[in-house]
Amino acid sequence: MRLLIRWLITAIALVVAAWAVPGITITNDSGWLAVLVMAAMLGLANAFLRPLLTLLSCPMVLLTLGLFLFVVNALTFMFASWAAQTLFGAEFVVDGFFSAMFGSIIVSIVSFFLSVFLADK
């Protein structure tokens, strides 16, 4: 049940990011399906790819006092969008690096607030 709630929270945060960031678009007729697939791909990318990128870029993260994690988050967001488009045909399109960076920031903020208010006990 907790995994389903996290997945839906991420999906809602992705809808907010698509609405707020000009470079993120949902071009499919079944937009919710694209968002749900993107939420699943983002969860998988955050589980497997993000720790690997963080480990490989550890010197850069230390050198920039953690600010390089924004780059890691943006790359993970771009990869999840690419994987959702390529593997499942979900038309959740991220146009560039800065759109991915702002989108990942918005998804993080919205997910945090929704997790605080909708936490299952």
Protein backbone atom coordinates (compact mmCIF):
# COMPACT_ATOMS: atom_id res chain seq x y z
CA MET A 1 0.00 0.00 0.00
CA ARG A 2 2.84 2.36 0.86
CA LEU A 3 4.46 1.81 -2.55
CA LEU A 4 1.20 2.65 -4.31
CA ILE A 5 0.82 5.87 -2.31
CA ARG A 6 4.43 6.89 -3.13
CA TRP A 7 3.80 6.16 -6.81
CA LEU A 8 0.66 8.32 -6.85
CA ILE A 9 2.44 11.12 -4.97
CA THR A 10 5.20 11.08 -7.59
CA ALA A 11 2.61 11.10 -10.36
CA ILE A 12 0.88 14.16 -8.88
CA ALA A 13 4.25 15.88 -8.49
CA LEU A 14 5.03 15.14 -12.16
CA VAL A 15 1.73 16.73 -13.20
CA VAL A 16 2.64 19.85 -11.23
CA ALA A 17 6.10 19.89 -12.85
CA ALA A 18 4.60 19.53 -16.33
CA TRP A 19 2.24 22.40 -15.57
CA ALA A 20 4.91 24.68 -14.05
CA VAL A 21 8.00 24.10 -16.22
CA PRO A 22 7.73 25.21 -19.87
CA GLY A 23 10.13 22.55 -21.19
CA ILE A 24 8.16 19.59 -19.82
CA THR A 25 5.19 18.46 -21.89
CA ILE A 26 2.79 15.56 -21.98
CA THR A 27 1.93 15.05 -25.64
CA ASN A 28 -0.07 11.83 -25.43
CA ASP A 29 -3.87 11.66 -25.59
CA SER A 30 -3.88 9.45 -22.51
CA GLY A 31 -1.88 11.86 -20.36
CA TRP A 32 -2.43 10.07 -17.06
CA LEU A 33 -1.00 6.87 -18.46
CA ALA A 34 2.12 8.75 -19.55
CA VAL A 35 2.42 10.32 -16.10
CA LEU A 36 2.00 6.98 -14.32
CA VAL A 37 4.61 5.32 -16.53
CA MET A 38 6.98 8.25 -15.99
CA ALA A 39 6.42 8.01 -12.22
CA ALA A 40 7.33 4.32 -12.29
CA MET A 41 10.42 4.97 -14.43
CA LEU A 42 11.49 7.83 -12.16
CA GLY A 43 11.15 5.57 -9.14
CA LEU A 44 13.30 2.90 -10.79
CA ALA A 45 15.88 5.45 -11.92
CA ASN A 46 16.04 6.91 -8.41
CA ALA A 47 16.45 3.45 -6.95
CA PHE A 48 19.17 2.15 -9.27
CA LEU A 49 20.77 4.90 -11.36
CA ARG A 50 20.90 7.80 -8.91
CA PRO A 51 23.03 6.01 -6.25
CA LEU A 52 25.47 4.93 -8.96
CA LEU A 53 25.75 8.46 -10.36
CA THR A 54 26.14 9.88 -6.86
CA LEU A 55 28.91 7.42 -6.07
CA LEU A 56 30.75 8.09 -9.33
CA SER A 57 30.46 11.85 -8.91
CA CYS A 58 31.34 11.90 -5.20
CA PRO A 59 34.45 14.11 -5.68
CA MET A 60 32.36 16.64 -7.63
CA VAL A 61 29.64 16.57 -4.98
CA LEU A 62 32.22 17.23 -2.27
CA LEU A 63 33.94 19.93 -4.30
CA THR A 64 30.70 21.82 -4.91
CA LEU A 65 29.43 21.22 -1.36
CA GLY A 66 26.50 19.15 -2.61
CA LEU A 67 25.30 21.40 -5.41
CA PHE A 68 26.33 18.83 -8.01
CA LEU A 69 23.45 16.68 -6.75
CA PHE A 70 21.16 19.01 -8.72
CA VAL A 71 22.99 17.83 -11.84
CA VAL A 72 22.63 14.20 -10.78
CA ASN A 73 18.89 14.71 -10.18
CA ALA A 74 18.46 16.38 -13.57
CA LEU A 75 20.30 13.56 -15.34
CA THR A 76 18.15 11.00 -13.56
CA PHE A 77 15.01 12.91 -14.54
CA MET A 78 16.13 13.09 -18.17
CA PHE A 79 16.97 9.38 -18.21
CA ALA A 80 13.58 8.46 -16.76
CA SER A 81 11.84 10.53 -19.42
CA TRP A 82 13.92 8.95 -22.17
CA ALA A 83 13.27 5.44 -20.82
CA ALA A 84 9.52 6.06 -20.52
CA GLN A 85 9.42 7.28 -24.12
CA THR A 86 11.65 4.57 -25.55
CA LEU A 87 10.45 1.51 -23.65
CA PHE A 88 6.75 2.24 -23.16
CA GLY A 89 5.90 4.99 -25.66
CA ALA A 90 4.80 7.34 -22.89
CA GLU A 91 4.97 10.86 -24.28
CA PHE A 92 6.34 12.64 -21.21
CA VAL A 93 8.88 14.90 -22.92
CA VAL A 94 11.65 16.81 -21.16
CA ASP A 95 13.19 19.28 -23.63
CA GLY A 96 16.55 20.01 -22.07
CA PHE A 97 18.86 19.96 -19.09
CA PHE A 98 17.50 23.06 -17.36
CA SER A 99 13.93 21.89 -17.80
CA ALA A 100 14.96 18.59 -16.21
CA MET A 101 16.72 20.39 -13.38
CA PHE A 102 13.76 22.66 -12.57
CA GLY A 103 11.38 19.74 -13.03
CA SER A 104 13.32 17.58 -10.60
CA ILE A 105 13.36 20.40 -8.06
CA ILE A 106 9.59 20.84 -8.36
CA VAL A 107 8.97 17.10 -8.14
CA SER A 108 11.13 16.92 -5.01
CA ILE A 109 9.35 19.83 -3.32
CA VAL A 110 5.82 18.70 -4.20
CA SER A 111 6.59 15.08 -3.25
CA PHE A 112 7.95 16.23 0.10
CA PHE A 113 4.86 18.28 0.95
CA LEU A 114 2.44 15.61 -0.24
CA SER A 115 4.35 12.98 1.75
CA VAL A 116 4.06 15.10 4.88
CA PHE A 117 0.34 15.70 4.48
CA LEU A 118 -0.67 12.33 3.04
CA ALA A 119 1.60 10.08 5.09
CA ASP A 120 -0.04 6.75 5.80
CA LYS A 121 0.09 5.63 9.39
